[in-house]
Amino acid sequence: MRIQLFTDYAIRALLYLQKHERMCTAAEIAGAIGMSYPSFLKLAKALRGKGLMDVAQGRYGGYRLKKPAKQISVYEVYLATSGKLDISPCLENRGRACINEMKEHCGIYDFFISVQDSMIAQMSQMKISDLADKMGKEASILEWKETG
């Protein structure tokens, strides 16, 4: 399984908003995270649609977090940008799409569901604020874009 680049950008955008704690323009955020402006607008729409990002129009408008970073899990971001997590086709609809058309769950299904459940638990526990804390106040992954 691989996290999509779109999800990576979403996490970085939310980290940027958490760090700055103010309204930020689309151009500012896109530039800071290294994303094109049109792609950021698409990303912002997805995040707004899931209640993770808020937008205000007008001269002093921009984007900000819809709720505190400590309430936004990485899994919520994943769902907003990538949809449901199924690490194998056999897990789609909890086993009703088995590639071998088996009636009973096999050991492979049990292993995949265990891995997937662990991933969901890890991503659910990790909040945007936790990631920001792990990055530290000084050594932000965003700073190279902001100063460059």
N, C-alpha and C. Protein backbone atom coordinates (compact mmCIF):
# COMPACT_ATOMS: atom_id res chain seq x y z
N MET A 1 0.83 -1.18 0.00
CA MET A 1 0.00 0.00 0.00
C MET A 1 0.88 1.24 0.00
N ARG A 2 0.43 2.22 -0.70
CA ARG A 2 1.19 3.46 -0.77
C ARG A 2 0.24 4.64 -0.57
N ILE A 3 0.62 5.57 0.29
CA ILE A 3 -0.17 6.78 0.50
C ILE A 3 -0.02 7.65 -0.75
N GLN A 4 -1.14 8.11 -1.29
CA GLN A 4 -1.11 8.93 -2.48
C GLN A 4 -0.48 10.29 -2.20
N LEU A 5 0.12 10.86 -3.22
CA LEU A 5 0.74 12.18 -3.11
C LEU A 5 -0.30 13.22 -2.70
N PHE A 6 -1.53 13.08 -3.18
CA PHE A 6 -2.62 14.00 -2.84
C PHE A 6 -2.84 14.02 -1.33
N THR A 7 -2.76 12.86 -0.70
CA THR A 7 -2.92 12.76 0.76
C THR A 7 -1.74 13.40 1.47
N ASP A 8 -0.55 13.18 0.95
CA ASP A 8 0.66 13.78 1.51
C ASP A 8 0.53 15.31 1.49
N TYR A 9 0.12 15.86 0.36
CA TYR A 9 -0.08 17.31 0.26
C TYR A 9 -1.14 17.80 1.24
N ALA A 10 -2.20 17.01 1.41
CA ALA A 10 -3.26 17.40 2.33
C ALA A 10 -2.73 17.51 3.76
N ILE A 11 -1.93 16.54 4.17
CA ILE A 11 -1.34 16.58 5.51
C ILE A 11 -0.46 17.81 5.65
N ARG A 12 0.35 18.08 4.63
CA ARG A 12 1.24 19.25 4.68
C ARG A 12 0.46 20.56 4.72
N ALA A 13 -0.63 20.63 3.96
CA ALA A 13 -1.47 21.84 3.98
C ALA A 13 -2.06 22.07 5.36
N LEU A 14 -2.55 21.00 5.98
CA LEU A 14 -3.13 21.13 7.32
C LEU A 14 -2.06 21.48 8.35
N LEU A 15 -0.88 20.92 8.20
CA LEU A 15 0.24 21.28 9.09
C LEU A 15 0.58 22.76 8.94
N TYR A 16 0.56 23.24 7.70
CA TYR A 16 0.86 24.66 7.44
C TYR A 16 -0.18 25.54 8.14
N LEU A 17 -1.45 25.19 8.01
CA LEU A 17 -2.50 25.98 8.65
C LEU A 17 -2.41 25.91 10.17
N GLN A 18 -2.06 24.74 10.68
CA GLN A 18 -1.91 24.60 12.13
C GLN A 18 -0.77 25.47 12.64
N LYS A 19 0.30 25.49 11.88
CA LYS A 19 1.48 26.25 12.28
C LYS A 19 1.21 27.76 12.29
N HIS A 20 0.46 28.24 11.30
CA HIS A 20 0.27 29.68 11.14
C HIS A 20 -0.94 30.24 11.89
N GLU A 21 -1.90 29.41 12.24
CA GLU A 21 -3.05 29.82 13.06
C GLU A 21 -3.70 31.12 12.60
N ARG A 22 -3.88 31.28 11.31
CA ARG A 22 -4.53 32.46 10.75
C ARG A 22 -5.09 32.09 9.39
N MET A 23 -5.83 33.02 8.79
CA MET A 23 -6.30 32.79 7.43
C MET A 23 -5.10 32.85 6.49
N CYS A 24 -4.98 31.87 5.62
CA CYS A 24 -3.88 31.81 4.66
C CYS A 24 -4.49 31.70 3.26
N THR A 25 -3.91 32.38 2.32
CA THR A 25 -4.42 32.34 0.95
C THR A 25 -4.07 31.02 0.28
N ALA A 26 -4.83 30.70 -0.75
CA ALA A 26 -4.58 29.49 -1.52
C ALA A 26 -3.19 29.54 -2.14
N ALA A 27 -2.82 30.68 -2.69
CA ALA A 27 -1.51 30.82 -3.31
C ALA A 27 -0.39 30.64 -2.29
N GLU A 28 -0.58 31.17 -1.10
CA GLU A 28 0.42 31.04 -0.04
C GLU A 28 0.62 29.58 0.36
N ILE A 29 -0.49 28.87 0.59
CA ILE A 29 -0.39 27.47 1.01
C ILE A 29 0.19 26.62 -0.11
N ALA A 30 -0.31 26.81 -1.32
CA ALA A 30 0.18 26.03 -2.46
C ALA A 30 1.69 26.23 -2.63
N GLY A 31 2.14 27.46 -2.54
CA GLY A 31 3.56 27.74 -2.66
C GLY A 31 4.38 27.13 -1.54
N ALA A 32 3.84 27.17 -0.34
CA ALA A 32 4.56 26.65 0.82
C ALA A 32 4.73 25.14 0.77
N ILE A 33 3.75 24.44 0.22
CA ILE A 33 3.83 22.97 0.21
C ILE A 33 4.31 22.43 -1.14
N GLY A 34 4.58 23.34 -2.08
CA GLY A 34 5.11 22.91 -3.37
C GLY A 34 4.08 22.31 -4.31
N MET A 35 2.86 22.81 -4.23
CA MET A 35 1.77 22.29 -5.04
C MET A 35 1.28 23.37 -5.99
N SER A 36 0.81 23.00 -7.16
CA SER A 36 0.28 24.01 -8.09
C SER A 36 -1.01 24.59 -7.50
N TYR A 37 -1.30 25.82 -7.87
CA TYR A 37 -2.50 26.51 -7.39
C TYR A 37 -3.77 25.76 -7.75
N PRO A 38 -3.96 25.35 -9.03
CA PRO A 38 -5.19 24.61 -9.37
C PRO A 38 -5.32 23.29 -8.59
N SER A 39 -4.21 22.60 -8.40
CA SER A 39 -4.26 21.35 -7.64
C SER A 39 -4.61 21.61 -6.18
N PHE A 40 -4.10 22.71 -5.63
CA PHE A 40 -4.44 23.04 -4.25
C PHE A 40 -5.94 23.32 -4.11
N LEU A 41 -6.53 24.02 -5.08
CA LEU A 41 -7.96 24.30 -5.01
C LEU A 41 -8.77 23.01 -4.99
N LYS A 42 -8.35 22.02 -5.76
CA LYS A 42 -9.01 20.72 -5.76
C LYS A 42 -8.85 20.05 -4.39
N LEU A 43 -7.64 20.13 -3.85
CA LEU A 43 -7.36 19.57 -2.53
C LEU A 43 -8.20 20.26 -1.45
N ALA A 44 -8.25 21.58 -1.50
CA ALA A 44 -9.02 22.35 -0.52
C ALA A 44 -10.50 21.99 -0.57
N LYS A 45 -11.01 21.77 -1.77
CA LYS A 45 -12.42 21.38 -1.92
C LYS A 45 -12.68 20.04 -1.23
N ALA A 46 -11.77 19.09 -1.40
CA ALA A 46 -11.91 17.78 -0.75
C ALA A 46 -11.86 17.92 0.77
N LEU A 47 -10.94 18.72 1.27
CA LEU A 47 -10.80 18.90 2.72
C LEU A 47 -11.97 19.67 3.31
N ARG A 48 -12.46 20.66 2.58
CA ARG A 48 -13.64 21.41 3.04
C ARG A 48 -14.85 20.51 3.08
N GLY A 49 -14.98 19.65 2.06
CA GLY A 49 -16.12 18.75 1.98
C GLY A 49 -16.21 17.77 3.15
N LYS A 50 -15.08 17.48 3.76
CA LYS A 50 -15.05 16.56 4.90
C LYS A 50 -14.92 17.28 6.24
N GLY A 51 -15.07 18.61 6.22
CA GLY A 51 -15.06 19.37 7.46
C GLY A 51 -13.70 19.56 8.10
N LEU A 52 -12.64 19.49 7.31
CA LEU A 52 -11.29 19.64 7.87
C LEU A 52 -10.72 21.03 7.65
N MET A 53 -11.22 21.71 6.64
CA MET A 53 -10.70 23.03 6.28
C MET A 53 -11.89 23.96 6.06
N ASP A 54 -11.70 25.21 6.42
CA ASP A 54 -12.74 26.22 6.25
C ASP A 54 -12.22 27.30 5.32
N VAL A 55 -13.12 27.95 4.61
CA VAL A 55 -12.73 29.02 3.70
C VAL A 55 -13.60 30.25 3.96
N ALA A 56 -12.99 31.40 3.84
CA ALA A 56 -13.72 32.67 3.93
C ALA A 56 -13.40 33.47 2.67
N GLN A 57 -14.43 34.02 2.05
CA GLN A 57 -14.26 34.81 0.84
C GLN A 57 -13.95 36.26 1.19
N GLY A 58 -13.50 37.00 0.21
CA GLY A 58 -13.30 38.43 0.40
C GLY A 58 -11.85 38.83 0.57
N ARG A 59 -11.69 40.14 0.78
CA ARG A 59 -10.37 40.73 0.87
C ARG A 59 -9.48 40.10 1.93
N TYR A 60 -10.05 39.79 3.06
CA TYR A 60 -9.28 39.20 4.16
C TYR A 60 -9.59 37.71 4.33
N GLY A 61 -10.07 37.11 3.27
CA GLY A 61 -10.43 35.70 3.30
C GLY A 61 -9.23 34.79 3.15
N GLY A 62 -9.52 33.53 3.10
CA GLY A 62 -8.48 32.53 2.96
C GLY A 62 -8.94 31.22 3.56
N TYR A 63 -7.98 30.40 3.89
CA TYR A 63 -8.24 29.08 4.44
C TYR A 63 -7.71 28.98 5.85
N ARG A 64 -8.38 28.15 6.64
CA ARG A 64 -7.95 27.85 8.01
C ARG A 64 -8.50 26.48 8.38
N LEU A 65 -8.00 25.94 9.47
CA LEU A 65 -8.51 24.67 9.96
C LEU A 65 -9.96 24.84 10.41
N LYS A 66 -10.77 23.88 10.10
CA LYS A 66 -12.18 23.93 10.52
C LYS A 66 -12.33 23.57 12.00
N LYS A 67 -11.42 22.74 12.49
CA LYS A 67 -11.42 22.35 13.89
C LYS A 67 -9.98 22.26 14.36
N PRO A 68 -9.75 22.21 15.66
CA PRO A 68 -8.37 22.17 16.15
C PRO A 68 -7.57 20.98 15.60
N ALA A 69 -6.29 21.20 15.36
CA ALA A 69 -5.41 20.16 14.81
C ALA A 69 -5.37 18.92 15.68
N LYS A 70 -5.59 19.07 16.98
CA LYS A 70 -5.59 17.91 17.87
C LYS A 70 -6.84 17.05 17.71
N GLN A 71 -7.79 17.53 16.91
CA GLN A 71 -9.01 16.76 16.64
C GLN A 71 -9.03 16.19 15.22
N ILE A 72 -7.99 16.43 14.45
CA ILE A 72 -7.94 15.94 13.07
C ILE A 72 -6.94 14.79 12.99
N SER A 73 -7.45 13.60 12.70
CA SER A 73 -6.57 12.43 12.58
C SER A 73 -6.04 12.29 11.16
N VAL A 74 -4.92 11.64 11.04
CA VAL A 74 -4.35 11.35 9.73
C VAL A 74 -5.32 10.47 8.95
N TYR A 75 -6.04 9.60 9.64
CA TYR A 75 -7.01 8.75 8.95
C TYR A 75 -8.14 9.58 8.34
N GLU A 76 -8.60 10.61 9.04
CA GLU A 76 -9.62 11.50 8.47
C GLU A 76 -9.11 12.15 7.19
N VAL A 77 -7.86 12.55 7.20
CA VAL A 77 -7.25 13.16 6.01
C VAL A 77 -7.18 12.13 4.89
N TYR A 78 -6.79 10.91 5.24
CA TYR A 78 -6.72 9.84 4.25
C TYR A 78 -8.10 9.62 3.62
N LEU A 79 -9.13 9.51 4.45
CA LEU A 79 -10.48 9.29 3.93
C LEU A 79 -10.94 10.43 3.04
N ALA A 80 -10.59 11.65 3.41
CA ALA A 80 -11.00 12.83 2.63
C ALA A 80 -10.33 12.87 1.26
N THR A 81 -9.15 12.32 1.16
CA THR A 81 -8.38 12.45 -0.08
C THR A 81 -8.27 11.16 -0.88
N SER A 82 -8.42 10.03 -0.24
CA SER A 82 -8.23 8.75 -0.92
C SER A 82 -9.43 7.82 -0.85
N GLY A 83 -10.36 8.11 0.02
CA GLY A 83 -11.50 7.21 0.19
C GLY A 83 -11.19 6.07 1.12
N LYS A 84 -12.06 5.09 1.10
CA LYS A 84 -11.95 3.94 1.99
C LYS A 84 -10.63 3.19 1.79
N LEU A 85 -10.06 2.74 2.89
CA LEU A 85 -8.81 1.99 2.84
C LEU A 85 -9.10 0.50 2.69
N ASP A 86 -8.68 -0.07 1.59
CA ASP A 86 -8.72 -1.51 1.36
C ASP A 86 -7.34 -1.88 0.81
N ILE A 87 -6.54 -2.57 1.60
CA ILE A 87 -5.17 -2.87 1.16
C ILE A 87 -5.11 -4.02 0.17
N SER A 88 -6.21 -4.75 0.03
CA SER A 88 -6.27 -5.86 -0.92
C SER A 88 -7.68 -5.95 -1.48
N PRO A 89 -7.81 -6.35 -2.73
CA PRO A 89 -9.16 -6.51 -3.29
C PRO A 89 -10.03 -7.48 -2.48
N CYS A 90 -9.41 -8.45 -1.83
CA CYS A 90 -10.21 -9.42 -1.07
C CYS A 90 -10.86 -8.79 0.16
N LEU A 91 -10.43 -7.60 0.55
CA LEU A 91 -11.02 -6.94 1.72
C LEU A 91 -12.19 -6.04 1.36
N GLU A 92 -12.37 -5.77 0.09
CA GLU A 92 -13.48 -4.92 -0.31
C GLU A 92 -14.78 -5.55 0.16
N ASN A 93 -15.61 -4.76 0.77
CA ASN A 93 -16.88 -5.23 1.34
C ASN A 93 -16.68 -6.35 2.34
N ARG A 94 -15.57 -6.27 3.08
CA ARG A 94 -15.23 -7.23 4.14
C ARG A 94 -15.29 -8.68 3.66
N GLY A 95 -14.64 -8.93 2.52
CA GLY A 95 -14.46 -10.29 2.06
C GLY A 95 -15.42 -10.75 0.99
N ARG A 96 -16.35 -9.92 0.60
CA ARG A 96 -17.31 -10.33 -0.42
C ARG A 96 -16.76 -10.19 -1.83
N ALA A 97 -15.48 -9.83 -1.96
CA ALA A 97 -14.87 -9.69 -3.29
C ALA A 97 -13.63 -10.57 -3.38
N CYS A 98 -13.70 -11.75 -2.80
CA CYS A 98 -12.56 -12.66 -2.80
C CYS A 98 -12.18 -13.03 -4.23
N ILE A 99 -10.89 -12.93 -4.54
CA ILE A 99 -10.45 -13.23 -5.91
C ILE A 99 -10.58 -14.72 -6.24
N ASN A 100 -10.66 -15.56 -5.22
CA ASN A 100 -10.84 -17.00 -5.44
C ASN A 100 -12.28 -17.45 -5.24
N GLU A 101 -13.16 -16.48 -5.03
CA GLU A 101 -14.60 -16.74 -4.83
C GLU A 101 -14.85 -17.77 -3.73
N MET A 102 -14.06 -17.65 -2.68
CA MET A 102 -14.23 -18.57 -1.55
C MET A 102 -15.44 -18.15 -0.72
N LYS A 103 -16.10 -19.12 -0.18
CA LYS A 103 -17.28 -18.85 0.65
C LYS A 103 -16.87 -18.47 2.07
N GLU A 104 -15.78 -19.05 2.55
CA GLU A 104 -15.28 -18.77 3.90
C GLU A 104 -14.02 -17.91 3.80
N HIS A 105 -13.74 -17.14 4.86
CA HIS A 105 -12.51 -16.35 4.90
C HIS A 105 -11.31 -17.28 5.04
N CYS A 106 -10.27 -16.98 4.32
CA CYS A 106 -9.06 -17.79 4.40
C CYS A 106 -8.02 -17.08 5.28
N GLY A 107 -6.90 -17.73 5.47
CA GLY A 107 -5.82 -17.16 6.27
C GLY A 107 -5.26 -15.88 5.68
N ILE A 108 -5.28 -15.76 4.37
CA ILE A 108 -4.80 -14.54 3.72
C ILE A 108 -5.70 -13.38 4.08
N TYR A 109 -7.01 -13.60 4.02
CA TYR A 109 -7.97 -12.56 4.41
C TYR A 109 -7.71 -12.13 5.84
N ASP A 110 -7.58 -13.10 6.74
CA ASP A 110 -7.36 -12.78 8.15
C ASP A 110 -6.09 -11.96 8.36
N PHE A 111 -5.02 -12.30 7.63
CA PHE A 111 -3.78 -11.55 7.73
C PHE A 111 -3.96 -10.13 7.21
N PHE A 112 -4.55 -9.99 6.02
CA PHE A 112 -4.76 -8.66 5.43
C PHE A 112 -5.65 -7.78 6.31
N ILE A 113 -6.70 -8.35 6.88
CA ILE A 113 -7.60 -7.55 7.71
C ILE A 113 -6.88 -7.09 8.97
N SER A 114 -5.99 -7.95 9.50
CA SER A 114 -5.21 -7.57 10.68
C SER A 114 -4.27 -6.39 10.36
N VAL A 115 -3.59 -6.48 9.22
CA VAL A 115 -2.69 -5.40 8.80
C VAL A 115 -3.49 -4.12 8.57
N GLN A 116 -4.59 -4.23 7.86
CA GLN A 116 -5.41 -3.06 7.57
C GLN A 116 -5.96 -2.42 8.84
N ASP A 117 -6.46 -3.22 9.75
CA ASP A 117 -6.99 -2.69 11.01
C ASP A 117 -5.89 -1.98 11.80
N SER A 118 -4.68 -2.51 11.78
CA SER A 118 -3.55 -1.87 12.47
C SER A 118 -3.23 -0.52 11.85
N MET A 119 -3.24 -0.47 10.52
CA MET A 119 -2.98 0.79 9.82
C MET A 119 -4.03 1.84 10.17
N ILE A 120 -5.28 1.43 10.15
CA ILE A 120 -6.37 2.37 10.46
C ILE A 120 -6.23 2.86 11.90
N ALA A 121 -5.91 1.96 12.82
CA ALA A 121 -5.74 2.35 14.22
C ALA A 121 -4.59 3.35 14.38
N GLN A 122 -3.46 3.09 13.72
CA GLN A 122 -2.30 4.00 13.80
C GLN A 122 -2.64 5.37 13.23
N MET A 123 -3.27 5.38 12.06
CA MET A 123 -3.62 6.65 11.43
C MET A 123 -4.69 7.39 12.22
N SER A 124 -5.59 6.66 12.86
CA SER A 124 -6.64 7.29 13.67
C SER A 124 -6.08 7.93 14.94
N GLN A 125 -5.06 7.30 15.50
CA GLN A 125 -4.45 7.83 16.72
C GLN A 125 -3.57 9.05 16.46
N MET A 126 -2.95 9.09 15.29
CA MET A 126 -2.04 10.19 14.97
C MET A 126 -2.83 11.41 14.52
N LYS A 127 -2.69 12.48 15.28
CA LYS A 127 -3.38 13.74 14.97
C LYS A 127 -2.43 14.69 14.26
N ILE A 128 -2.97 15.66 13.56
CA ILE A 128 -2.15 16.67 12.89
C ILE A 128 -1.27 17.38 13.90
N SER A 129 -1.80 17.67 15.07
CA SER A 129 -0.99 18.33 16.11
C SER A 129 0.17 17.43 16.57
N ASP A 130 -0.05 16.12 16.61
CA ASP A 130 1.03 15.19 16.98
C ASP A 130 2.14 15.23 15.94
N LEU A 131 1.77 15.27 14.66
CA LEU A 131 2.78 15.35 13.61
C LEU A 131 3.57 16.65 13.72
N ALA A 132 2.87 17.73 14.00
CA ALA A 132 3.55 19.02 14.16
C ALA A 132 4.54 18.96 15.32
N ASP A 133 4.13 18.35 16.42
CA ASP A 133 5.02 18.20 17.58
C ASP A 133 6.24 17.35 17.24
N LYS A 134 6.03 16.27 16.47
CA LYS A 134 7.14 15.40 16.08
C LYS A 134 8.14 16.14 15.20
N MET A 135 7.63 17.06 14.38
CA MET A 135 8.51 17.81 13.49
C MET A 135 9.31 18.85 14.27
N GLY A 136 8.76 19.28 15.38
CA GLY A 136 9.44 20.28 16.18
C GLY A 136 9.17 21.69 15.70
N LYS A 137 9.37 22.63 16.56
CA LYS A 137 9.10 24.03 16.24
C LYS A 137 10.14 24.60 15.27
N GLU A 138 11.38 24.14 15.38
CA GLU A 138 12.47 24.69 14.56
C GLU A 138 12.61 24.01 13.21
N ALA A 139 12.58 22.69 13.19
CA ALA A 139 12.89 21.94 11.98
C ALA A 139 11.63 21.46 11.28
N SER A 140 10.90 22.37 10.70
CA SER A 140 9.67 22.03 10.01
C SER A 140 9.95 21.55 8.59
N ILE A 141 9.21 20.54 8.15
CA ILE A 141 9.36 20.10 6.77
C ILE A 141 8.84 21.14 5.79
N LEU A 142 8.14 22.13 6.32
CA LEU A 142 7.60 23.17 5.45
C LEU A 142 8.58 24.34 5.25
N GLU A 143 9.50 24.52 6.18
CA GLU A 143 10.35 25.71 6.15
C GLU A 143 11.19 25.84 4.91
N TRP A 144 11.62 24.74 4.33
CA TRP A 144 12.45 24.84 3.13
C TRP A 144 11.69 25.49 2.00
N LYS A 145 10.38 25.33 1.96
CA LYS A 145 9.56 25.95 0.92
C LYS A 145 9.31 27.42 1.26
N GLU A 146 9.10 27.71 2.53
CA GLU A 146 8.77 29.08 2.93
C GLU A 146 9.95 30.03 2.74
N THR A 147 11.15 29.57 2.96
CA THR A 147 12.31 30.45 2.87
C THR A 147 12.91 30.46 1.47
N GLY A 148 12.57 29.45 0.67
CA GLY A 148 13.16 29.31 -0.67
C GLY A 148 12.54 30.17 -1.62
